[in-house]
Amino acid sequence: MKRTFFFMIAAGLLTAGVSFAADNSAMQEMMQKMGGQTPDERVELKLPDAMKVMQKKMMREHLDTIAEITGAIAAGDLPMASTIAREKLGWNPQEEQRCNMVGKVTGEKDFVTYGMAVHKTADELSTAAAAGDRDKSLALLSTLIKNCNACHEKFRH
């Protein structure tokens, strides 16, 4: 019951948000200053709905992992940052299998390249953190996030 109510509220807010953007002159003006309304020209990953849900969940988990790595580095706990990066985000046979599966289902071989870049950068970050190199760890954390963004700039669901 609570879920149904929540989804009804969320759907109403989304509908209201679209209506607000269309009807509100301040919102229209802001959109024009930002280049106007443009179509989403990213490549759509044609996945079955269940795979989309699974993949989005994994991406949220990746964001949580990035937050954990950031927190560990900020606390000066580079060994923990190294462990988190390697164990939760590093390139391993399971990640390779998942990325290859999405690439195969969608026919988008570039997806594997983008995924591999994210996970292999996590491995590099793990190595730098294990060596106690905070600055290199932070630089690689930035690269990792940029790799995530590059994938999201190219692909959508």
Protein backbone atom coordinates (compact mmCIF):
# COMPACT_ATOMS: atom_id res chain seq x y z
CA MET A 1 0.00 0.00 0.00
CA LYS A 2 2.75 2.45 0.95
CA ARG A 3 4.66 1.71 -2.27
CA THR A 4 1.61 2.29 -4.43
CA PHE A 5 0.95 5.58 -2.64
CA PHE A 6 4.58 6.60 -3.02
CA PHE A 7 4.58 5.85 -6.76
CA MET A 8 1.32 7.76 -7.22
CA ILE A 9 2.85 10.78 -5.46
CA ALA A 10 6.10 10.46 -7.46
CA ALA A 11 4.20 10.19 -10.74
CA GLY A 12 2.14 13.24 -9.81
CA LEU A 13 5.26 15.24 -8.94
CA LEU A 14 6.95 14.25 -12.19
CA THR A 15 3.89 15.24 -14.18
CA ALA A 16 3.64 18.48 -12.23
CA GLY A 17 7.35 19.11 -12.79
CA VAL A 18 6.99 18.75 -16.56
CA SER A 19 3.93 20.98 -16.50
CA PHE A 20 5.70 23.51 -14.28
CA ALA A 21 8.66 23.65 -16.66
CA ALA A 22 6.36 24.13 -19.65
CA ASP A 23 4.15 26.73 -17.98
CA ASN A 24 6.66 28.68 -15.93
CA SER A 25 8.27 31.59 -17.76
CA ALA A 26 11.24 31.74 -15.36
CA MET A 27 11.98 28.08 -16.05
CA GLN A 28 11.66 28.66 -19.79
CA GLU A 29 14.02 31.64 -19.58
CA MET A 30 16.57 29.61 -17.61
CA MET A 31 16.37 26.77 -20.14
CA GLN A 32 16.93 29.23 -23.00
CA LYS A 33 20.02 30.65 -21.26
CA MET A 34 21.35 27.10 -20.98
CA GLY A 35 20.93 26.50 -24.71
CA GLY A 36 17.25 25.66 -24.88
CA GLN A 37 15.52 22.34 -24.93
CA THR A 38 17.55 19.79 -26.84
CA PRO A 39 16.83 16.18 -27.69
CA ASP A 40 18.65 13.42 -25.85
CA GLU A 41 20.97 12.18 -28.58
CA ARG A 42 22.76 9.57 -26.49
CA VAL A 43 22.75 5.98 -27.73
CA GLU A 44 19.90 4.07 -26.13
CA LEU A 45 20.97 0.79 -24.59
CA LYS A 46 18.17 -1.49 -25.65
CA LEU A 47 17.90 -3.75 -22.64
CA PRO A 48 15.00 -5.73 -21.24
CA ASP A 49 13.34 -3.85 -18.38
CA ALA A 50 14.64 -6.28 -15.76
CA MET A 51 18.22 -5.72 -16.95
CA LYS A 52 17.72 -1.95 -16.88
CA VAL A 53 16.61 -2.13 -13.26
CA MET A 54 19.58 -4.35 -12.38
CA GLN A 55 22.06 -2.12 -14.19
CA LYS A 56 20.73 1.07 -12.60
CA LYS A 57 20.98 -0.59 -9.18
CA MET A 58 24.60 -1.52 -9.89
CA MET A 59 25.38 2.04 -11.00
CA ARG A 60 23.92 3.40 -7.74
CA GLU A 61 26.06 0.88 -5.86
CA HIS A 62 29.09 2.15 -7.81
CA LEU A 63 28.25 5.70 -6.71
CA ASP A 64 28.01 4.52 -3.09
CA THR A 65 31.40 2.85 -3.50
CA ILE A 66 32.90 6.07 -4.89
CA ALA A 67 31.52 7.89 -1.84
CA GLU A 68 33.10 5.26 0.46
CA ILE A 69 36.45 5.61 -1.31
CA THR A 70 36.26 9.40 -1.04
CA GLY A 71 35.43 9.17 2.67
CA ALA A 72 38.32 6.80 3.32
CA ILE A 73 40.78 9.06 1.51
CA ALA A 74 39.44 12.11 3.35
CA ALA A 75 39.91 10.30 6.66
CA GLY A 76 43.48 9.45 5.69
CA ASP A 77 42.72 5.73 5.61
CA LEU A 78 44.38 4.87 2.30
CA PRO A 79 44.56 1.14 3.04
CA MET A 80 40.75 1.14 3.42
CA ALA A 81 40.34 3.18 0.22
CA SER A 82 42.53 0.62 -1.56
CA THR A 83 40.50 -2.31 -0.29
CA ILE A 84 37.17 -0.71 -1.18
CA ALA A 85 38.33 0.25 -4.68
CA ARG A 86 39.70 -3.20 -5.43
CA GLU A 87 36.99 -5.33 -3.82
CA LYS A 88 33.90 -3.34 -4.73
CA LEU A 89 34.80 -1.65 -8.00
CA GLY A 90 37.89 -3.31 -9.46
CA TRP A 91 38.00 -5.20 -12.76
CA ASN A 92 37.42 -8.89 -12.17
CA PRO A 93 35.89 -11.81 -14.07
CA GLN A 94 32.39 -11.03 -12.77
CA GLU A 95 32.57 -7.38 -13.90
CA GLU A 96 33.94 -8.49 -17.25
CA GLN A 97 31.08 -10.96 -17.63
CA ARG A 98 28.46 -8.33 -16.73
CA CYS A 99 29.90 -5.70 -19.08
CA ASN A 100 30.22 -8.23 -21.90
CA MET A 101 26.63 -9.38 -21.33
CA VAL A 102 25.30 -5.81 -21.67
CA GLY A 103 27.48 -5.25 -24.73
CA LYS A 104 26.24 -8.47 -26.31
CA VAL A 105 22.55 -7.88 -25.54
CA THR A 106 22.66 -4.29 -26.81
CA GLY A 107 25.15 -4.76 -29.63
CA GLU A 108 27.10 -1.82 -28.20
CA LYS A 109 30.70 -3.01 -27.95
CA ASP A 110 31.78 0.44 -26.76
CA PHE A 111 29.87 -0.23 -23.55
CA VAL A 112 32.48 -2.82 -22.57
CA THR A 113 35.28 -0.33 -23.28
CA TYR A 114 33.65 2.30 -21.07
CA GLY A 115 32.91 -0.19 -18.30
CA MET A 116 36.43 -1.57 -18.39
CA ALA A 117 37.85 1.97 -18.10
CA VAL A 118 35.85 2.58 -14.91
CA HIS A 119 36.82 -0.69 -13.26
CA LYS A 120 40.47 -0.69 -14.31
CA THR A 121 40.84 2.87 -13.05
CA ALA A 122 39.51 1.59 -9.71
CA ASP A 123 42.34 -0.97 -9.77
CA GLU A 124 44.89 1.79 -10.42
CA LEU A 125 43.39 3.82 -7.59
CA SER A 126 43.65 0.79 -5.32
CA THR A 127 47.33 0.40 -6.17
CA ALA A 128 48.07 4.09 -5.56
CA ALA A 129 46.19 4.09 -2.26
CA ALA A 130 47.95 0.88 -1.12
CA ALA A 131 51.25 2.64 -1.85
CA GLY A 132 50.14 5.54 0.36
CA ASP A 133 50.00 8.05 -2.51
CA ARG A 134 47.04 10.27 -1.53
CA ASP A 135 47.47 12.77 -4.36
CA LYS A 136 47.64 10.09 -7.05
CA SER A 137 44.64 8.36 -5.44
CA LEU A 138 42.64 11.58 -5.66
CA ALA A 139 43.69 12.15 -9.27
CA LEU A 140 42.61 8.62 -10.15
CA LEU A 141 39.33 9.10 -8.27
CA SER A 142 38.70 12.11 -10.50
CA THR A 143 39.54 10.04 -13.58
CA LEU A 144 37.23 7.27 -12.40
CA ILE A 145 34.33 9.71 -12.06
CA LYS A 146 35.10 11.19 -15.48
CA ASN A 147 35.04 7.67 -16.93
CA CYS A 148 31.59 7.13 -15.41
CA ASN A 149 30.40 10.42 -16.86
CA ALA A 150 31.81 9.58 -20.31
CA CYS A 151 29.70 6.44 -20.37
CA HIS A 152 26.59 8.33 -19.26
CA GLU A 153 27.26 10.99 -21.90
CA LYS A 154 27.29 8.30 -24.61
CA PHE A 155 24.57 5.91 -23.40
CA ARG A 156 21.09 6.06 -21.90
CA HIS A 157 18.34 3.59 -21.08
